[in-house]
């Protein structure tokens, strides 16, 4: 059997992680407990109240920054405006949540096709694949280059 040791005194120079869980599981509360300056990219309409609850619990750094993203265009605007220098001072970036960002992505594709929902596009499978590809391109690429 392989034995490993863990020394909490050893600092990891950086960590990129995805915290995944069901709605209400406490992902945002968990993230708010991290030390340092946090950039919150909120996509849920109730996101600001969730962060406010974290602050009430004492998990708030006044240097934290909140950016609200409520459409695919908001996300694109953020990506086009943000620079590496803008992100340098943050110890943690929270995208809360990626599923809402995917909803905005799909709605954008549907709107481009003059439909109310992506499911109404005649070739739904190809449209959904395009949505996944686009989400991957813009989100995973952002995570990969975020200077944390």
C-alpha atoms as a PDB file:
ATOM      1  CA  UNK A   1       0.000   0.000   0.000  1.00  0.00           C
ATOM      2  CA  UNK A   2       1.265   3.467  -0.933  1.00  0.00           C
ATOM      3  CA  UNK A   3       1.565   5.819   2.019  1.00  0.00           C
ATOM      4  CA  UNK A   4       1.451   9.559   1.559  1.00  0.00           C
ATOM      5  CA  UNK A   5       1.952  12.384   3.979  1.00  0.00           C
ATOM      6  CA  UNK A   6       0.258  15.741   4.023  1.00  0.00           C
ATOM      7  CA  UNK A   7       1.896  18.792   5.515  1.00  0.00           C
ATOM      8  CA  UNK A   8      -0.562  21.727   5.721  1.00  0.00           C
ATOM      9  CA  UNK A   9       2.384  24.083   6.328  1.00  0.00           C
ATOM     10  CA  UNK A  10       3.573  23.592   2.741  1.00  0.00           C
ATOM     11  CA  UNK A  11       2.063  26.215   0.482  1.00  0.00           C
ATOM     12  CA  UNK A  12       1.017  25.340  -3.028  1.00  0.00           C
ATOM     13  CA  UNK A  13       2.124  28.154  -5.387  1.00  0.00           C
ATOM     14  CA  UNK A  14      -1.169  28.008  -7.300  1.00  0.00           C
ATOM     15  CA  UNK A  15      -4.164  25.797  -7.681  1.00  0.00           C
ATOM     16  CA  UNK A  16      -6.738  25.677 -10.446  1.00  0.00           C
ATOM     17  CA  UNK A  17      -9.814  23.746  -9.435  1.00  0.00           C
ATOM     18  CA  UNK A  18     -13.465  23.312 -10.268  1.00  0.00           C
ATOM     19  CA  UNK A  19     -15.855  22.972  -7.359  1.00  0.00           C
ATOM     20  CA  UNK A  20     -18.895  21.054  -8.539  1.00  0.00           C
ATOM     21  CA  UNK A  21     -22.071  20.288  -6.674  1.00  0.00           C
ATOM     22  CA  UNK A  22     -25.842  20.515  -6.645  1.00  0.00           C
ATOM     23  CA  UNK A  23     -27.591  23.867  -6.314  1.00  0.00           C
ATOM     24  CA  UNK A  24     -27.490  25.038  -2.707  1.00  0.00           C
ATOM     25  CA  UNK A  25     -24.672  22.659  -1.749  1.00  0.00           C
ATOM     26  CA  UNK A  26     -22.499  25.539  -0.527  1.00  0.00           C
ATOM     27  CA  UNK A  27     -19.960  25.965  -3.341  1.00  0.00           C
ATOM     28  CA  UNK A  28     -19.999  29.773  -3.139  1.00  0.00           C
ATOM     29  CA  UNK A  29     -19.827  29.684   0.659  1.00  0.00           C
ATOM     30  CA  UNK A  30     -16.858  27.326   0.432  1.00  0.00           C
ATOM     31  CA  UNK A  31     -15.077  29.620  -2.019  1.00  0.00           C
ATOM     32  CA  UNK A  32     -15.774  32.683   0.134  1.00  0.00           C
ATOM     33  CA  UNK A  33     -13.803  31.099   2.970  1.00  0.00           C
ATOM     34  CA  UNK A  34     -10.563  31.198   0.971  1.00  0.00           C
ATOM     35  CA  UNK A  35      -8.042  33.818   2.041  1.00  0.00           C
ATOM     36  CA  UNK A  36      -7.125  36.585  -0.336  1.00  0.00           C
ATOM     37  CA  UNK A  37      -8.858  38.685  -2.959  1.00  0.00           C
ATOM     38  CA  UNK A  38     -11.707  37.008  -4.880  1.00  0.00           C
ATOM     39  CA  UNK A  39     -13.230  37.922  -8.242  1.00  0.00           C
ATOM     40  CA  UNK A  40     -16.845  36.747  -8.374  1.00  0.00           C
ATOM     41  CA  UNK A  41     -18.320  36.326 -11.858  1.00  0.00           C
ATOM     42  CA  UNK A  42     -21.992  35.914 -11.008  1.00  0.00           C
ATOM     43  CA  UNK A  43     -24.392  34.497 -13.601  1.00  0.00           C
ATOM     44  CA  UNK A  44     -27.340  33.637 -11.350  1.00  0.00           C
ATOM     45  CA  UNK A  45     -29.942  36.317 -10.622  1.00  0.00           C
ATOM     46  CA  UNK A  46     -29.737  35.433  -6.899  1.00  0.00           C
ATOM     47  CA  UNK A  47     -25.922  35.384  -6.973  1.00  0.00           C
ATOM     48  CA  UNK A  48     -25.497  38.756  -5.290  1.00  0.00           C
ATOM     49  CA  UNK A  49     -27.669  37.680  -2.341  1.00  0.00           C
ATOM     50  CA  UNK A  50     -25.641  34.469  -1.993  1.00  0.00           C
ATOM     51  CA  UNK A  51     -22.437  36.502  -1.828  1.00  0.00           C
ATOM     52  CA  UNK A  52     -24.105  38.912   0.626  1.00  0.00           C
ATOM     53  CA  UNK A  53     -24.889  35.932   2.889  1.00  0.00           C
ATOM     54  CA  UNK A  54     -21.216  34.955   2.753  1.00  0.00           C
ATOM     55  CA  UNK A  55     -20.303  38.487   3.854  1.00  0.00           C
ATOM     56  CA  UNK A  56     -22.784  38.312   6.755  1.00  0.00           C
ATOM     57  CA  UNK A  57     -20.997  35.153   7.911  1.00  0.00           C
ATOM     58  CA  UNK A  58     -17.754  37.119   8.083  1.00  0.00           C
ATOM     59  CA  UNK A  59     -16.286  35.611   4.893  1.00  0.00           C
ATOM     60  CA  UNK A  60     -15.678  38.837   3.025  1.00  0.00           C
ATOM     61  CA  UNK A  61     -12.595  40.714   1.950  1.00  0.00           C
ATOM     62  CA  UNK A  62     -13.414  44.354   1.096  1.00  0.00           C
ATOM     63  CA  UNK A  63     -11.049  44.024  -1.890  1.00  0.00           C
ATOM     64  CA  UNK A  64     -13.280  41.349  -3.469  1.00  0.00           C
ATOM     65  CA  UNK A  65     -14.875  42.307  -6.776  1.00  0.00           C
ATOM     66  CA  UNK A  66     -18.292  41.266  -8.119  1.00  0.00           C
ATOM     67  CA  UNK A  67     -19.097  41.283 -11.839  1.00  0.00           C
ATOM     68  CA  UNK A  68     -22.623  40.336 -12.824  1.00  0.00           C
ATOM     69  CA  UNK A  69     -23.061  38.436 -16.095  1.00  0.00           C
ATOM     70  CA  UNK A  70     -26.662  37.926 -17.162  1.00  0.00           C
ATOM     71  CA  UNK A  71     -26.305  37.206 -20.881  1.00  0.00           C
ATOM     72  CA  UNK A  72     -23.865  35.679 -23.360  1.00  0.00           C
ATOM     73  CA  UNK A  73     -23.115  39.220 -24.563  1.00  0.00           C
ATOM     74  CA  UNK A  74     -22.204  40.235 -20.977  1.00  0.00           C
ATOM     75  CA  UNK A  75     -19.736  37.307 -20.916  1.00  0.00           C
ATOM     76  CA  UNK A  76     -18.210  38.309 -24.266  1.00  0.00           C
ATOM     77  CA  UNK A  77     -17.949  41.934 -23.112  1.00  0.00           C
ATOM     78  CA  UNK A  78     -16.140  40.776 -19.964  1.00  0.00           C
ATOM     79  CA  UNK A  79     -13.716  38.621 -21.971  1.00  0.00           C
ATOM     80  CA  UNK A  80     -12.971  41.433 -24.422  1.00  0.00           C
ATOM     81  CA  UNK A  81     -12.368  44.023 -21.683  1.00  0.00           C
ATOM     82  CA  UNK A  82     -10.463  42.001 -19.101  1.00  0.00           C
ATOM     83  CA  UNK A  83      -6.670  41.881 -19.302  1.00  0.00           C
ATOM     84  CA  UNK A  84      -4.042  39.753 -17.609  1.00  0.00           C
ATOM     85  CA  UNK A  85      -3.180  42.784 -15.468  1.00  0.00           C
ATOM     86  CA  UNK A  86      -6.814  43.020 -14.328  1.00  0.00           C
ATOM     87  CA  UNK A  87      -6.675  39.432 -13.090  1.00  0.00           C
ATOM     88  CA  UNK A  88      -3.196  39.518 -11.531  1.00  0.00           C
ATOM     89  CA  UNK A  89      -4.309  40.721  -8.103  1.00  0.00           C
ATOM     90  CA  UNK A  90      -6.878  37.997  -7.527  1.00  0.00           C
ATOM     91  CA  UNK A  91      -6.132  34.894  -5.513  1.00  0.00           C
ATOM     92  CA  UNK A  92      -9.347  33.175  -6.588  1.00  0.00           C
ATOM     93  CA  UNK A  93     -11.803  33.566  -9.468  1.00  0.00           C
ATOM     94  CA  UNK A  94     -15.310  32.209  -8.903  1.00  0.00           C
ATOM     95  CA  UNK A  95     -17.591  31.619 -11.904  1.00  0.00           C
ATOM     96  CA  UNK A  96     -20.965  31.112 -10.234  1.00  0.00           C
ATOM     97  CA  UNK A  97     -22.350  29.198 -12.109  1.00  0.00           C
ATOM     98  CA  UNK A  98     -21.270  27.679 -15.391  1.00  0.00           C
ATOM     99  CA  UNK A  99     -24.688  26.113 -16.036  1.00  0.00           C
ATOM    100  CA  UNK A 100     -26.331  29.554 -16.183  1.00  0.00           C
ATOM    101  CA  UNK A 101     -23.585  30.686 -18.537  1.00  0.00           C
ATOM    102  CA  UNK A 102     -24.402  27.670 -20.724  1.00  0.00           C
ATOM    103  CA  UNK A 103     -28.084  28.695 -20.693  1.00  0.00           C
ATOM    104  CA  UNK A 104     -27.114  32.180 -21.919  1.00  0.00           C
ATOM    105  CA  UNK A 105     -24.893  30.599 -24.570  1.00  0.00           C
ATOM    106  CA  UNK A 106     -27.736  28.382 -25.853  1.00  0.00           C
ATOM    107  CA  UNK A 107     -30.176  31.286 -25.805  1.00  0.00           C
ATOM    108  CA  UNK A 108     -27.729  33.350 -27.866  1.00  0.00           C
ATOM    109  CA  UNK A 109     -27.487  30.576 -30.460  1.00  0.00           C
ATOM    110  CA  UNK A 110     -31.293  30.259 -30.553  1.00  0.00           C
ATOM    111  CA  UNK A 111     -31.721  34.012 -30.973  1.00  0.00           C
ATOM    112  CA  UNK A 112     -29.202  34.006 -33.841  1.00  0.00           C
ATOM    113  CA  UNK A 113     -31.328  31.305 -35.507  1.00  0.00           C
ATOM    114  CA  UNK A 114     -34.478  33.386 -34.858  1.00  0.00           C
ATOM    115  CA  UNK A 115     -35.853  30.761 -32.468  1.00  0.00           C
ATOM    116  CA  UNK A 116     -37.043  31.069 -28.886  1.00  0.00           C
ATOM    117  CA  UNK A 117     -34.999  28.093 -27.667  1.00  0.00           C
ATOM    118  CA  UNK A 118     -32.096  26.030 -28.975  1.00  0.00           C
ATOM    119  CA  UNK A 119     -34.308  22.920 -28.991  1.00  0.00           C
ATOM    120  CA  UNK A 120     -36.440  24.533 -31.738  1.00  0.00           C
ATOM    121  CA  UNK A 121     -33.559  24.606 -34.207  1.00  0.00           C
ATOM    122  CA  UNK A 122     -34.122  21.923 -36.858  1.00  0.00           C
ATOM    123  CA  UNK A 123     -30.703  20.348 -36.320  1.00  0.00           C
ATOM    124  CA  UNK A 124     -30.750  20.469 -32.523  1.00  0.00           C
ATOM    125  CA  UNK A 125     -27.884  17.973 -32.133  1.00  0.00           C
ATOM    126  CA  UNK A 126     -25.503  20.067 -34.229  1.00  0.00           C
ATOM    127  CA  UNK A 127     -26.672  23.267 -32.508  1.00  0.00           C
ATOM    128  CA  UNK A 128     -26.106  21.785 -29.045  1.00  0.00           C
ATOM    129  CA  UNK A 129     -22.674  20.525 -30.124  1.00  0.00           C
ATOM    130  CA  UNK A 130     -21.855  24.049 -31.340  1.00  0.00           C
ATOM    131  CA  UNK A 131     -23.011  25.456 -27.990  1.00  0.00           C
ATOM    132  CA  UNK A 132     -20.800  23.040 -26.065  1.00  0.00           C
ATOM    133  CA  UNK A 133     -17.851  23.824 -28.311  1.00  0.00           C
ATOM    134  CA  UNK A 134     -18.353  27.574 -27.887  1.00  0.00           C
ATOM    135  CA  UNK A 135     -18.706  27.288 -24.116  1.00  0.00           C
ATOM    136  CA  UNK A 136     -15.548  25.196 -24.013  1.00  0.00           C
ATOM    137  CA  UNK A 137     -13.685  27.700 -26.167  1.00  0.00           C
ATOM    138  CA  UNK A 138     -14.575  30.725 -24.052  1.00  0.00           C
ATOM    139  CA  UNK A 139     -14.684  29.264 -20.543  1.00  0.00           C
ATOM    140  CA  UNK A 140     -12.037  26.572 -20.478  1.00  0.00           C
ATOM    141  CA  UNK A 141      -9.631  28.806 -22.391  1.00  0.00           C
ATOM    142  CA  UNK A 142     -10.251  31.564 -19.829  1.00  0.00           C
ATOM    143  CA  UNK A 143      -9.598  29.153 -16.956  1.00  0.00           C
ATOM    144  CA  UNK A 144      -6.416  27.906 -18.608  1.00  0.00           C
ATOM    145  CA  UNK A 145      -4.899  31.355 -18.999  1.00  0.00           C
ATOM    146  CA  UNK A 146      -6.190  33.025 -15.828  1.00  0.00           C
ATOM    147  CA  UNK A 147      -2.982  34.023 -14.032  1.00  0.00           C
ATOM    148  CA  UNK A 148      -3.669  32.413 -10.679  1.00  0.00           C
END
